[in-house]
PDB file of N, CA and C in Angstrom:
ATOM      1  N   MET A   1       0.915  -1.059  -0.033  1.00  0.00           N
ATOM      2  CA  MET A   1      -0.202   0.018   0.032  1.00  0.00           C
ATOM      3  C   MET A   1       0.922   1.017  -0.064  1.00  0.00           C
ATOM      4  N   ASN A   2       1.725   1.440   0.767  1.00  0.00           N
ATOM      5  CA  ASN A   2       2.758   2.668   0.532  1.00  0.00           C
ATOM      6  C   ASN A   2       3.419   2.712  -0.681  1.00  0.00           C
ATOM      7  N   ARG A   3       4.042   1.738  -1.162  1.00  0.00           N
ATOM      8  CA  ARG A   3       4.256   1.894  -2.546  1.00  0.00           C
ATOM      9  C   ARG A   3       3.320   2.696  -3.646  1.00  0.00           C
ATOM     10  N   ILE A   4       1.930   2.105  -3.776  1.00  0.00           N
ATOM     11  CA  ILE A   4       1.109   2.815  -4.169  1.00  0.00           C
ATOM     12  C   ILE A   4       0.560   4.421  -3.897  1.00  0.00           C
ATOM     13  N   GLY A   5       0.684   4.542  -2.529  1.00  0.00           N
ATOM     14  CA  GLY A   5       0.737   5.916  -2.459  1.00  0.00           C
ATOM     15  C   GLY A   5       2.082   6.761  -2.735  1.00  0.00           C
ATOM     16  N   ASP A   6       3.430   6.256  -2.604  1.00  0.00           N
ATOM     17  CA  ASP A   6       4.553   6.708  -3.361  1.00  0.00           C
ATOM     18  C   ASP A   6       4.170   7.007  -4.668  1.00  0.00           C
ATOM     19  N   VAL A   7       3.880   6.346  -5.219  1.00  0.00           N
ATOM     20  CA  VAL A   7       3.939   6.347  -7.052  1.00  0.00           C
ATOM     21  C   VAL A   7       2.449   7.840  -7.214  1.00  0.00           C
ATOM     22  N   VAL A   8       1.902   7.546  -6.411  1.00  0.00           N
ATOM     23  CA  VAL A   8       0.377   8.789  -6.962  1.00  0.00           C
ATOM     24  C   VAL A   8       1.135  10.198  -6.260  1.00  0.00           C
ATOM     25  N   ILE A   9       1.767   9.880  -5.060  1.00  0.00           N
ATOM     26  CA  ILE A   9       2.161  11.525  -4.513  1.00  0.00           C
ATOM     27  C   ILE A   9       3.458  11.811  -5.391  1.00  0.00           C
ATOM     28  N   ALA A  10       4.119  11.001  -6.018  1.00  0.00           N
ATOM     29  CA  ALA A  10       5.311  11.339  -6.687  1.00  0.00           C
ATOM     30  C   ALA A  10       4.881  11.845  -8.289  1.00  0.00           C
ATOM     31  N   PHE A  11       3.874  11.513  -8.688  1.00  0.00           N
ATOM     32  CA  PHE A  11       3.204  11.777  -9.941  1.00  0.00           C
ATOM     33  C   PHE A  11       2.580  13.239  -9.480  1.00  0.00           C
ATOM     34  N   ILE A  12       1.953  13.545  -8.605  1.00  0.00           N
ATOM     35  CA  ILE A  12       1.082  14.736  -8.385  1.00  0.00           C
ATOM     36  C   ILE A  12       2.380  15.799  -8.028  1.00  0.00           C
ATOM     37  N   LEU A  13       3.333  15.486  -7.395  1.00  0.00           N
ATOM     38  CA  LEU A  13       4.482  16.620  -6.986  1.00  0.00           C
ATOM     39  C   LEU A  13       5.305  17.002  -7.979  1.00  0.00           C
ATOM     40  N   ILE A  14       5.292  15.778  -9.441  1.00  0.00           N
ATOM     41  CA  ILE A  14       6.054  15.992 -10.524  1.00  0.00           C
ATOM     42  C   ILE A  14       5.217  16.866 -11.179  1.00  0.00           C
ATOM     43  N   ALA A  15       4.064  16.881 -11.431  1.00  0.00           N
ATOM     44  CA  ALA A  15       3.113  17.420 -11.973  1.00  0.00           C
ATOM     45  C   ALA A  15       2.884  19.266 -11.692  1.00  0.00           C
ATOM     46  N   PHE A  16       3.176  19.267 -10.434  1.00  0.00           N
ATOM     47  CA  PHE A  16       3.193  20.349  -9.852  1.00  0.00           C
ATOM     48  C   PHE A  16       4.349  21.275  -9.810  1.00  0.00           C
ATOM     49  N   THR A  17       5.605  21.074  -9.425  1.00  0.00           N
ATOM     50  CA  THR A  17       6.489  21.301  -9.576  1.00  0.00           C
ATOM     51  C   THR A  17       7.256  21.255 -11.080  1.00  0.00           C
ATOM     52  N   LEU A  18       7.080  20.446 -12.231  1.00  0.00           N
ATOM     53  CA  LEU A  18       7.445  20.515 -13.201  1.00  0.00           C
ATOM     54  C   LEU A  18       7.727  22.077 -14.003  1.00  0.00           C
ATOM     55  N   PRO A  19       6.925  22.782 -14.014  1.00  0.00           N
ATOM     56  CA  PRO A  19       7.411  24.058 -14.245  1.00  0.00           C
ATOM     57  C   PRO A  19       8.943  24.618 -13.797  1.00  0.00           C
ATOM     58  N   LEU A  20       8.618  24.697 -12.386  1.00  0.00           N
ATOM     59  CA  LEU A  20       9.400  25.245 -11.772  1.00  0.00           C
ATOM     60  C   LEU A  20      10.804  24.188 -12.118  1.00  0.00           C
ATOM     61  N   MET A  21      11.090  23.000 -12.000  1.00  0.00           N
ATOM     62  CA  MET A  21      12.165  22.020 -12.527  1.00  0.00           C
ATOM     63  C   MET A  21      12.357  22.524 -13.872  1.00  0.00           C
ATOM     64  N   SER A  22      11.483  22.758 -14.894  1.00  0.00           N
ATOM     65  CA  SER A  22      12.464  23.290 -16.171  1.00  0.00           C
ATOM     66  C   SER A  22      12.870  24.519 -15.847  1.00  0.00           C
ATOM     67  N   ILE A  23      12.611  25.808 -14.900  1.00  0.00           N
ATOM     68  CA  ILE A  23      13.196  26.797 -15.017  1.00  0.00           C
ATOM     69  C   ILE A  23      14.427  26.629 -13.987  1.00  0.00           C
ATOM     70  N   VAL A  24      14.683  25.820 -13.093  1.00  0.00           N
ATOM     71  CA  VAL A  24      15.941  25.228 -12.966  1.00  0.00           C
ATOM     72  C   VAL A  24      16.724  24.732 -13.701  1.00  0.00           C
ATOM     73  N   ALA A  25      16.060  23.593 -14.286  1.00  0.00           N
ATOM     74  CA  ALA A  25      17.057  23.162 -15.379  1.00  0.00           C
ATOM     75  C   ALA A  25      18.010  24.272 -16.399  1.00  0.00           C
ATOM     76  N   LEU A  26      17.105  25.139 -16.728  1.00  0.00           N
ATOM     77  CA  LEU A  26      17.408  26.339 -17.597  1.00  0.00           C
ATOM     78  C   LEU A  26      18.644  27.309 -16.947  1.00  0.00           C
ATOM     79  N   ALA A  27      18.438  27.556 -15.537  1.00  0.00           N
ATOM     80  CA  ALA A  27      19.158  28.544 -14.944  1.00  0.00           C
ATOM     81  C   ALA A  27      20.475  27.810 -15.072  1.00  0.00           C
ATOM     82  N   ILE A  28      20.280  26.465 -14.474  1.00  0.00           N
ATOM     83  CA  ILE A  28      21.836  25.473 -14.112  1.00  0.00           C
ATOM     84  C   ILE A  28      22.448  25.658 -15.390  1.00  0.00           C
ATOM     85  N   LYS A  29      21.967  25.510 -16.655  1.00  0.00           N
ATOM     86  CA  LYS A  29      22.513  25.429 -17.783  1.00  0.00           C
ATOM     87  C   LYS A  29      23.283  26.797 -18.328  1.00  0.00           C
ATOM     88  N   LEU A  30      22.553  28.012 -17.864  1.00  0.00           N
ATOM     89  CA  LEU A  30      23.167  29.307 -18.070  1.00  0.00           C
ATOM     90  C   LEU A  30      24.228  29.488 -17.450  1.00  0.00           C
ATOM     91  N   ASP A  31      24.081  29.115 -15.839  1.00  0.00           N
ATOM     92  CA  ASP A  31      24.952  29.278 -15.022  1.00  0.00           C
ATOM     93  C   ASP A  31      26.374  28.661 -15.251  1.00  0.00           C
ATOM     94  N   SER A  32      26.366  27.381 -15.353  1.00  0.00           N
ATOM     95  CA  SER A  32      27.682  27.033 -15.452  1.00  0.00           C
ATOM     96  C   SER A  32      27.944  25.913 -16.224  1.00  0.00           C
ATOM     97  N   PRO A  33      28.677  25.842 -16.705  1.00  0.00           N
ATOM     98  CA  PRO A  33      29.202  24.293 -18.193  1.00  0.00           C
ATOM     99  C   PRO A  33      28.902  22.973 -17.307  1.00  0.00           C
ATOM    100  N   GLY A  34      28.020  22.020 -17.972  1.00  0.00           N
ATOM    101  CA  GLY A  34      28.210  21.074 -17.261  1.00  0.00           C
ATOM    102  C   GLY A  34      26.987  20.396 -17.345  1.00  0.00           C
ATOM    103  N   PRO A  35      26.827  18.958 -17.092  1.00  0.00           N
ATOM    104  CA  PRO A  35      25.314  18.274 -16.995  1.00  0.00           C
ATOM    105  C   PRO A  35      24.186  19.289 -15.874  1.00  0.00           C
ATOM    106  N   ILE A  36      23.025  18.997 -16.240  1.00  0.00           N
ATOM    107  CA  ILE A  36      21.978  19.720 -15.337  1.00  0.00           C
ATOM    108  C   ILE A  36      22.076  19.007 -13.941  1.00  0.00           C
ATOM    109  N   PHE A  37      21.877  17.222 -14.048  1.00  0.00           N
ATOM    110  CA  PHE A  37      21.775  16.627 -13.189  1.00  0.00           C
ATOM    111  C   PHE A  37      23.186  15.900 -12.749  1.00  0.00           C
ATOM    112  N   SER A  38      23.207  15.104 -11.168  1.00  0.00           N
ATOM    113  CA  SER A  38      24.381  14.631 -11.051  1.00  0.00           C
ATOM    114  C   SER A  38      23.705  13.519 -10.290  1.00  0.00           C
ATOM    115  N   ARG A  39      24.217  12.446 -10.129  1.00  0.00           N
ATOM    116  CA  ARG A  39      23.552  11.309  -9.592  1.00  0.00           C
ATOM    117  C   ARG A  39      24.454  10.733  -8.243  1.00  0.00           C
ATOM    118  N   LEU A  40      24.323  10.709  -7.218  1.00  0.00           N
ATOM    119  CA  LEU A  40      24.922  10.301  -6.050  1.00  0.00           C
ATOM    120  C   LEU A  40      24.384   8.961  -5.339  1.00  0.00           C
ATOM    121  N   GLU A  41      25.474   7.903  -5.225  1.00  0.00           N
ATOM    122  CA  GLU A  41      25.386   6.939  -4.536  1.00  0.00           C
ATOM    123  C   GLU A  41      24.777   7.217  -3.282  1.00  0.00           C
ATOM    124  N   ARG A  42      23.738   6.126  -3.160  1.00  0.00           N
ATOM    125  CA  ARG A  42      23.053   6.503  -1.567  1.00  0.00           C
ATOM    126  C   ARG A  42      22.684   4.878  -1.343  1.00  0.00           C
ATOM    127  N   LEU A  43      22.023   4.753   0.128  1.00  0.00           N
ATOM    128  CA  LEU A  43      21.642   3.570   0.240  1.00  0.00           C
ATOM    129  C   LEU A  43      20.215   3.930  -0.033  1.00  0.00           C
ATOM    130  N   GLY A  44      19.180   3.296  -0.184  1.00  0.00           N
ATOM    131  CA  GLY A  44      17.925   3.628  -0.389  1.00  0.00           C
ATOM    132  C   GLY A  44      17.064   2.296   0.031  1.00  0.00           C
ATOM    133  N   LEU A  45      15.850   2.235  -0.447  1.00  0.00           N
ATOM    134  CA  LEU A  45      14.770   1.119   0.464  1.00  0.00           C
ATOM    135  C   LEU A  45      15.639   0.209   0.603  1.00  0.00           C
ATOM    136  N   ASP A  46      15.402  -0.553   1.710  1.00  0.00           N
ATOM    137  CA  ASP A  46      15.788  -2.009   2.212  1.00  0.00           C
ATOM    138  C   ASP A  46      17.443  -2.009   1.940  1.00  0.00           C
ATOM    139  N   GLY A  47      18.377  -1.153   2.464  1.00  0.00           N
ATOM    140  CA  GLY A  47      19.446  -1.041   2.499  1.00  0.00           C
ATOM    141  C   GLY A  47      20.026  -1.279   1.115  1.00  0.00           C
ATOM    142  N   ARG A  48      19.398  -1.048  -0.161  1.00  0.00           N
ATOM    143  CA  ARG A  48      20.066  -1.153  -1.651  1.00  0.00           C
ATOM    144  C   ARG A  48      20.830   0.117  -2.131  1.00  0.00           C
ATOM    145  N   ARG A  49      21.868  -0.031  -2.494  1.00  0.00           N
ATOM    146  CA  ARG A  49      22.521   0.903  -3.420  1.00  0.00           C
ATOM    147  C   ARG A  49      21.781   1.354  -4.445  1.00  0.00           C
ATOM    148  N   VAL A  50      21.440   2.867  -4.468  1.00  0.00           N
ATOM    149  CA  VAL A  50      20.952   3.412  -5.695  1.00  0.00           C
ATOM    150  C   VAL A  50      21.801   4.517  -5.791  1.00  0.00           C
ATOM    151  N   ARG A  51      21.597   5.466  -7.408  1.00  0.00           N
ATOM    152  CA  ARG A  51      22.100   6.073  -7.480  1.00  0.00           C
ATOM    153  C   ARG A  51      21.046   7.054  -7.667  1.00  0.00           C
ATOM    154  N   ILE A  52      20.903   7.942  -6.439  1.00  0.00           N
ATOM    155  CA  ILE A  52      19.693   8.940  -6.531  1.00  0.00           C
ATOM    156  C   ILE A  52      19.951  10.402  -7.626  1.00  0.00           C
ATOM    157  N   LEU A  53      18.953  10.835  -8.177  1.00  0.00           N
ATOM    158  CA  LEU A  53      19.304  11.998  -9.167  1.00  0.00           C
ATOM    159  C   LEU A  53      18.746  13.393  -8.378  1.00  0.00           C
ATOM    160  N   LYS A  54      19.745  14.415  -8.818  1.00  0.00           N
ATOM    161  CA  LYS A  54      19.581  15.710  -7.644  1.00  0.00           C
ATOM    162  C   LYS A  54      19.957  16.302  -8.912  1.00  0.00           C
ATOM    163  N   PHE A  55      19.588  17.857  -8.865  1.00  0.00           N
ATOM    164  CA  PHE A  55      20.061  19.146  -9.596  1.00  0.00           C
ATOM    165  C   PHE A  55      21.332  18.946  -9.284  1.00  0.00           C
ATOM    166  N   ARG A  56      22.504  19.405 -10.161  1.00  0.00           N
ATOM    167  CA  ARG A  56      23.410  19.549 -10.103  1.00  0.00           C
ATOM    168  C   ARG A  56      23.876  21.038  -9.602  1.00  0.00           C
ATOM    169  N   THR A  57      24.560  20.990  -8.125  1.00  0.00           N
ATOM    170  CA  THR A  57      24.865  22.330  -7.677  1.00  0.00           C
ATOM    171  C   THR A  57      26.224  22.786  -7.742  1.00  0.00           C
ATOM    172  N   THR A  58      27.192  22.026  -8.006  1.00  0.00           N
ATOM    173  CA  THR A  58      28.637  22.620  -7.922  1.00  0.00           C
ATOM    174  C   THR A  58      29.305  22.734  -9.096  1.00  0.00           C
ATOM    175  N   VAL A  59      30.411  22.978  -9.534  1.00  0.00           N
ATOM    176  CA  VAL A  59      31.198  23.402 -10.276  1.00  0.00           C
ATOM    177  C   VAL A  59      31.510  22.082 -10.604  1.00  0.00           C
ATOM    178  N   CYS A  60      31.774  22.049 -12.150  1.00  0.00           N
ATOM    179  CA  CYS A  60      32.068  20.492 -12.720  1.00  0.00           C
ATOM    180  C   CYS A  60      33.513  19.872 -12.366  1.00  0.00           C
ATOM    181  N   ARG A  61      33.891  19.484 -11.279  1.00  0.00           N
ATOM    182  CA  ARG A  61      35.289  18.747 -10.988  1.00  0.00           C
ATOM    183  C   ARG A  61      35.329  17.643 -10.130  1.00  0.00           C
ATOM    184  N   PRO A  62      36.094  16.938  -9.885  1.00  0.00           N
ATOM    185  CA  PRO A  62      36.043  15.404  -9.159  1.00  0.00           C
ATOM    186  C   PRO A  62      35.449  15.644  -7.843  1.00  0.00           C
ATOM    187  N   HIS A  63      34.397  14.813  -7.525  1.00  0.00           N
ATOM    188  CA  HIS A  63      33.707  14.759  -6.259  1.00  0.00           C
ATOM    189  C   HIS A  63      34.506  14.759  -5.351  1.00  0.00           C
ATOM    190  N   ASP A  64      34.312  15.430  -4.533  1.00  0.00           N
ATOM    191  CA  ASP A  64      35.096  15.336  -3.056  1.00  0.00           C
ATOM    192  C   ASP A  64      33.775  15.538  -1.952  1.00  0.00           C
ATOM    193  N   PRO A  65      33.467  14.366  -1.269  1.00  0.00           N
ATOM    194  CA  PRO A  65      32.467  14.194  -0.623  1.00  0.00           C
ATOM    195  C   PRO A  65      32.419  15.087   0.448  1.00  0.00           C
ATOM    196  N   ARG A  66      33.763  15.268   1.040  1.00  0.00           N
ATOM    197  CA  ARG A  66      34.027  16.417   2.383  1.00  0.00           C
ATOM    198  C   ARG A  66      33.500  17.634   2.180  1.00  0.00           C
ATOM    199  N   ARG A  67      33.304  18.106   1.278  1.00  0.00           N
ATOM    200  CA  ARG A  67      33.279  19.190   0.720  1.00  0.00           C
ATOM    201  C   ARG A  67      31.502  19.498   0.328  1.00  0.00           C
ATOM    202  N   SER A  68      30.583  19.367   1.153  1.00  0.00           N
ATOM    203  CA  SER A  68      29.509  19.631   0.581  1.00  0.00           C
ATOM    204  C   SER A  68      28.669  20.847   1.874  1.00  0.00           C
ATOM    205  N   GLY A  69      29.266  21.629   2.218  1.00  0.00           N
ATOM    206  CA  GLY A  69      28.731  22.877   2.978  1.00  0.00           C
ATOM    207  C   GLY A  69      28.038  23.507   1.812  1.00  0.00           C
ATOM    208  N   ILE A  70      27.013  24.416   2.421  1.00  0.00           N
ATOM    209  CA  ILE A  70      26.081  25.665   1.630  1.00  0.00           C
ATOM    210  C   ILE A  70      27.207  26.504   1.234  1.00  0.00           C
ATOM    211  N   SER A  71      28.240  26.976   2.106  1.00  0.00           N
ATOM    212  CA  SER A  71      28.701  28.411   2.075  1.00  0.00           C
ATOM    213  C   SER A  71      30.132  27.860   1.256  1.00  0.00           C
ATOM    214  N   ASP A  72      30.364  26.415   0.725  1.00  0.00           N
ATOM    215  CA  ASP A  72      31.869  26.172   0.027  1.00  0.00           C
ATOM    216  C   ASP A  72      31.974  27.185  -1.288  1.00  0.00           C
ATOM    217  N   ALA A  73      32.868  27.309  -1.784  1.00  0.00           N
ATOM    218  CA  ALA A  73      33.517  27.855  -3.227  1.00  0.00           C
ATOM    219  C   ALA A  73      33.313  27.058  -4.394  1.00  0.00           C
ATOM    220  N   HIS A  74      33.095  25.463  -3.858  1.00  0.00           N
ATOM    221  CA  HIS A  74      32.447  24.852  -5.430  1.00  0.00           C
ATOM    222  C   HIS A  74      31.325  25.346  -5.645  1.00  0.00           C
ATOM    223  N   LEU A  75      30.256  25.844  -5.060  1.00  0.00           N
ATOM    224  CA  LEU A  75      29.043  25.757  -5.145  1.00  0.00           C
ATOM    225  C   LEU A  75      28.717  26.929  -6.302  1.00  0.00           C
ATOM    226  N   THR A  76      27.688  26.701  -7.245  1.00  0.00           N
ATOM    227  CA  THR A  76      27.691  27.825  -8.519  1.00  0.00           C
ATOM    228  C   THR A  76      26.331  28.495  -7.467  1.00  0.00           C
ATOM    229  N   ARG A  77      26.336  29.686  -8.322  1.00  0.00           N
ATOM    230  CA  ARG A  77      25.028  30.878  -7.693  1.00  0.00           C
ATOM    231  C   ARG A  77      24.043  30.162  -7.698  1.00  0.00           C
ATOM    232  N   VAL A  78      23.346  29.352  -8.745  1.00  0.00           N
ATOM    233  CA  VAL A  78      22.403  28.860  -8.484  1.00  0.00           C
ATOM    234  C   VAL A  78      22.010  27.600  -7.620  1.00  0.00           C
ATOM    235  N   GLY A  79      23.721  26.842  -7.433  1.00  0.00           N
ATOM    236  CA  GLY A  79      23.376  25.931  -6.950  1.00  0.00           C
ATOM    237  C   GLY A  79      23.343  26.062  -5.003  1.00  0.00           C
ATOM    238  N   ARG A  80      23.992  27.273  -4.625  1.00  0.00           N
ATOM    239  CA  ARG A  80      23.718  27.760  -3.368  1.00  0.00           C
ATOM    240  C   ARG A  80      22.168  27.842  -3.067  1.00  0.00           C
ATOM    241  N   PHE A  81      21.781  28.966  -3.891  1.00  0.00           N
ATOM    242  CA  PHE A  81      20.100  28.768  -3.824  1.00  0.00           C
ATOM    243  C   PHE A  81      19.191  27.671  -4.055  1.00  0.00           C
ATOM    244  N   LEU A  82      19.627  26.375  -4.475  1.00  0.00           N
ATOM    245  CA  LEU A  82      19.061  25.118  -4.821  1.00  0.00           C
ATOM    246  C   LEU A  82      19.437  24.277  -3.207  1.00  0.00           C
ATOM    247  N   ARG A  83      20.386  24.483  -3.007  1.00  0.00           N
ATOM    248  CA  ARG A  83      20.772  23.901  -1.488  1.00  0.00           C
ATOM    249  C   ARG A  83      19.907  24.330  -0.405  1.00  0.00           C
ATOM    250  N   ARG A  84      20.007  25.455  -0.282  1.00  0.00           N
ATOM    251  CA  ARG A  84      19.056  26.271   0.965  1.00  0.00           C
ATOM    252  C   ARG A  84      17.666  26.030   0.500  1.00  0.00           C
ATOM    253  N   THR A  85      17.410  26.069  -0.679  1.00  0.00           N
ATOM    254  CA  THR A  85      15.722  25.482  -0.505  1.00  0.00           C
ATOM    255  C   THR A  85      15.609  24.388  -0.797  1.00  0.00           C
ATOM    256  N   HIS A  86      16.125  23.107  -0.726  1.00  0.00           N
ATOM    257  CA  HIS A  86      16.382  21.872  -1.074  1.00  0.00           C
ATOM    258  C   HIS A  86      15.672  21.392  -2.136  1.00  0.00           C
ATOM    259  N   VAL A  87      15.583  22.539  -3.279  1.00  0.00           N
ATOM    260  CA  VAL A  87      14.822  22.478  -4.449  1.00  0.00           C
ATOM    261  C   VAL A  87      15.847  21.328  -5.173  1.00  0.00           C
ATOM    262  N   ASP A  88      17.006  21.437  -4.865  1.00  0.00           N
ATOM    263  CA  ASP A  88      18.088  20.196  -5.881  1.00  0.00           C
ATOM    264  C   ASP A  88      17.272  18.797  -5.701  1.00  0.00           C
ATOM    265  N   ASP A  89      16.934  18.657  -4.743  1.00  0.00           N
ATOM    266  CA  ASP A  89      16.331  16.983  -4.059  1.00  0.00           C
ATOM    267  C   ASP A  89      14.718  16.612  -5.121  1.00  0.00           C
ATOM    268  N   LEU A  90      14.411  17.666  -5.645  1.00  0.00           N
ATOM    269  CA  LEU A  90      13.112  17.513  -6.426  1.00  0.00           C
ATOM    270  C   LEU A  90      13.343  16.413  -7.614  1.00  0.00           C
ATOM    271  N   PRO A  91      14.368  16.118  -8.639  1.00  0.00           N
ATOM    272  CA  PRO A  91      14.377  14.985  -9.060  1.00  0.00           C
ATOM    273  C   PRO A  91      14.412  13.640  -8.721  1.00  0.00           C
ATOM    274  N   GLN A  92      14.791  13.658  -7.407  1.00  0.00           N
ATOM    275  CA  GLN A  92      14.378  12.461  -6.272  1.00  0.00           C
ATOM    276  C   GLN A  92      13.614  11.777  -6.654  1.00  0.00           C
ATOM    277  N   LEU A  93      12.301  12.610  -6.913  1.00  0.00           N
ATOM    278  CA  LEU A  93      10.715  12.034  -7.240  1.00  0.00           C
ATOM    279  C   LEU A  93      10.842  10.683  -8.483  1.00  0.00           C
ATOM    280  N   MET A  94      11.748  10.932  -9.244  1.00  0.00           N
ATOM    281  CA  MET A  94      11.999   9.998 -10.147  1.00  0.00           C
ATOM    282  C   MET A  94      12.406   8.684  -9.861  1.00  0.00           C
ATOM    283  N   ASN A  95      13.187   8.542  -8.250  1.00  0.00           N
ATOM    284  CA  ASN A  95      13.793   7.737  -7.710  1.00  0.00           C
ATOM    285  C   ASN A  95      12.825   6.746  -7.083  1.00  0.00           C
ATOM    286  N   VAL A  96      11.683   7.635  -6.539  1.00  0.00           N
ATOM    287  CA  VAL A  96      10.507   7.352  -5.933  1.00  0.00           C
ATOM    288  C   VAL A  96       9.797   6.075  -6.888  1.00  0.00           C
ATOM    289  N   LEU A  97       9.541   7.206  -8.273  1.00  0.00           N
ATOM    290  CA  LEU A  97       8.702   6.147  -9.379  1.00  0.00           C
ATOM    291  C   LEU A  97       9.572   5.108  -9.960  1.00  0.00           C
ATOM    292  N   ASN A  98      11.093   4.926  -9.819  1.00  0.00           N
ATOM    293  CA  ASN A  98      11.522   3.884 -10.030  1.00  0.00           C
ATOM    294  C   ASN A  98      11.433   2.640  -8.807  1.00  0.00           C
ATOM    295  N   GLY A  99      10.758   3.204  -7.454  1.00  0.00           N
ATOM    296  CA  GLY A  99      10.725   2.036  -6.354  1.00  0.00           C
ATOM    297  C   GLY A  99      12.374   1.986  -5.783  1.00  0.00           C
ATOM    298  N   GLU A 100      13.022   2.842  -6.195  1.00  0.00           N
ATOM    299  CA  GLU A 100      14.443   3.038  -5.252  1.00  0.00           C
ATOM    300  C   GLU A 100      14.436   3.459  -4.095  1.00  0.00           C
ATOM    301  N   LEU A 101      13.677   4.644  -3.693  1.00  0.00           N
ATOM    302  CA  LEU A 101      13.221   5.363  -2.658  1.00  0.00           C
ATOM    303  C   LEU A 101      11.906   5.698  -2.501  1.00  0.00           C
ATOM    304  N   THR A 102      11.704   6.178  -1.132  1.00  0.00           N
ATOM    305  CA  THR A 102      10.359   6.197  -0.494  1.00  0.00           C
ATOM    306  C   THR A 102      10.004   7.274  -0.037  1.00  0.00           C
ATOM    307  N   LEU A 103       8.599   8.201   0.056  1.00  0.00           N
ATOM    308  CA  LEU A 103       8.543   9.431   0.409  1.00  0.00           C
ATOM    309  C   LEU A 103       8.575   9.313   1.607  1.00  0.00           C
ATOM    310  N   MET A 104       8.235   8.152   2.585  1.00  0.00           N
ATOM    311  CA  MET A 104       7.802   7.705   4.169  1.00  0.00           C
ATOM    312  C   MET A 104       9.461   7.302   4.866  1.00  0.00           C
ATOM    313  N   GLY A 105       9.417   8.195   5.943  1.00  0.00           N
ATOM    314  CA  GLY A 105      10.668   7.269   6.751  1.00  0.00           C
ATOM    315  C   GLY A 105      11.889   8.154   6.423  1.00  0.00           C
ATOM    316  N   ALA A 106      13.009   7.634   6.838  1.00  0.00           N
ATOM    317  CA  ALA A 106      14.207   8.129   6.486  1.00  0.00           C
ATOM    318  C   ALA A 106      14.618   8.322   5.057  1.00  0.00           C
ATOM    319  N   GLY A 107      15.581   9.668   5.247  1.00  0.00           N
ATOM    320  CA  GLY A 107      16.032   9.809   3.675  1.00  0.00           C
ATOM    321  C   GLY A 107      17.017   9.010   3.255  1.00  0.00           C
ATOM    322  N   PRO A 108      17.780   9.097   2.148  1.00  0.00           N
ATOM    323  CA  PRO A 108      18.522   7.987   1.989  1.00  0.00           C
ATOM    324  C   PRO A 108      20.036   8.342   2.443  1.00  0.00           C
ATOM    325  N   SER A 109      20.992   7.289   2.778  1.00  0.00           N
ATOM    326  CA  SER A 109      22.231   7.902   3.518  1.00  0.00           C
ATOM    327  C   SER A 109      23.236   7.359   2.818  1.00  0.00           C
ATOM    328  N   ARG A 110      24.345   7.747   3.022  1.00  0.00           N
ATOM    329  CA  ARG A 110      25.830   7.485   2.424  1.00  0.00           C
ATOM    330  C   ARG A 110      25.813   6.369   2.520  1.00  0.00           C
ATOM    331  N   PRO A 111      26.764   5.675   1.985  1.00  0.00           N
ATOM    332  CA  PRO A 111      26.936   4.021   2.042  1.00  0.00           C
ATOM    333  C   PRO A 111      27.948   4.345   2.900  1.00  0.00           C
ATOM    334  N   PHE A 112      28.413   3.181   3.807  1.00  0.00           N
ATOM    335  CA  PHE A 112      29.113   2.790   4.792  1.00  0.00           C
ATOM    336  C   PHE A 112      30.617   3.223   3.975  1.00  0.00           C
ATOM    337  N   GLY A 113      31.703   3.909   4.655  1.00  0.00           N
ATOM    338  CA  GLY A 113      32.784   4.195   4.392  1.00  0.00           C
ATOM    339  C   GLY A 113      33.205   5.328   3.728  1.00  0.00           C
ATOM    340  N   SER A 114      31.815   6.039   3.058  1.00  0.00           N
ATOM    341  CA  SER A 114      31.784   7.189   2.672  1.00  0.00           C
ATOM    342  C   SER A 114      31.783   8.571   3.394  1.00  0.00           C
ATOM    343  N   ARG A 115      32.291   9.780   2.861  1.00  0.00           N
ATOM    344  CA  ARG A 115      32.344  10.603   3.907  1.00  0.00           C
ATOM    345  C   ARG A 115      31.601  11.686   2.895  1.00  0.00           C
TER     346      ARG A 115
END
């Protein structure tokens, strides 16, 4: 029953936020070179490793998981706003539709051994 609720709510949220997500995608593309989305490995539903989808908030360079604060110099101008407002997490609704994450309960965590 939770899965059905997740799918219904995710579809509704995507429908309502699609205009916002389109504007964010355009802003990211205009602000800095690189992809619009980033994929981060996390532990999802039932402890499975999943690659969650997020809007890219940093300049394109090798990933250093220790540098994830809002005030870090590697954040783009758009990325700083997205992190403060958590809009960078909206693409994770696609992970919910794929059954990799759920809307209820704890959020995805980093796999053991990563910082």
